Amino acid sequence: MNQRRAIFLDRDGVLNVNRPDHVKAWDEFIFLPGVLTALRQIAASDFVAVVTTNQSAIARGKMSAATLRDIHARMLGEIERAGGRIDAVQFCPHLPEDDCNCRKPRPGMYQRAVEQFGIDPTRSYVVGDALEDIVAAHTIGAHPILVLTGRGQAQHTRLLENNHGDFVVVADLAHAVEWIWNHDQNRHSDQHCHSEQSEESPRATEEILRSAQNDKL
């Protein structure tokens, strides 16, 4: 039986507007432009859609776990009404110093989803706006995609300074989905034709080279 593929999505800065003081209530949750349309496209595919999000506001006493679950229930309701789909939401409530296995970039949240849905990480994608998302993708063997929404602009510089060059850079979630479709289509085409050509489309390759400022992904 073939394992399933997944698109792992960070939440703040990818799906909704990132707040430096945390999203602590539903009225602080604002979808980013184009997100609901992108999630509708994912819903029409065979990808499992999983949100993985660090939410230390719980451990900091700024929000309860019950409030976070309410935010996520409302978020899922809005996504479903727009024709989208999220199959699971994984969150880490801990502080960085708690040294847990679930806080990104550690792989705990991803591993739970892999076990729950029978996911093959090597055929999956991680979309995030921060270094921890890219490192997590590398840890589980998935394809990392950095969006420039949220913290993405500043984190892009940080990633390059720390020699994390093996990732794709796109403007936002809509462009991430477009890149995934192109990459997936080209991969299947290459397998069918037994071609030695690159899997990336010319547009995707140009974007990677321009963003990474060198000749490697």
Foldseek 3Di string as FASTA:
>chain_A
DDFAAAEEEEPDQAQFDHDPVDDAALVSTHGDPPNLVLQLVVQVDRHAYEYEYEALCCVVVNHPPVRVVVNVVVVQVVSVVSNGDHPYYHYHNHDPVVPDQRPFPRQPRVVVVCVVRVHQQLNYEYEEQAPRRLSSSVVSNHAYEHECTHNNVVRLVVCLVVVVLRHFYDHGSNVVSVQSVQLVVLVVVCVVVVDPDDSGDPVRLVRSCVSSVHNHD
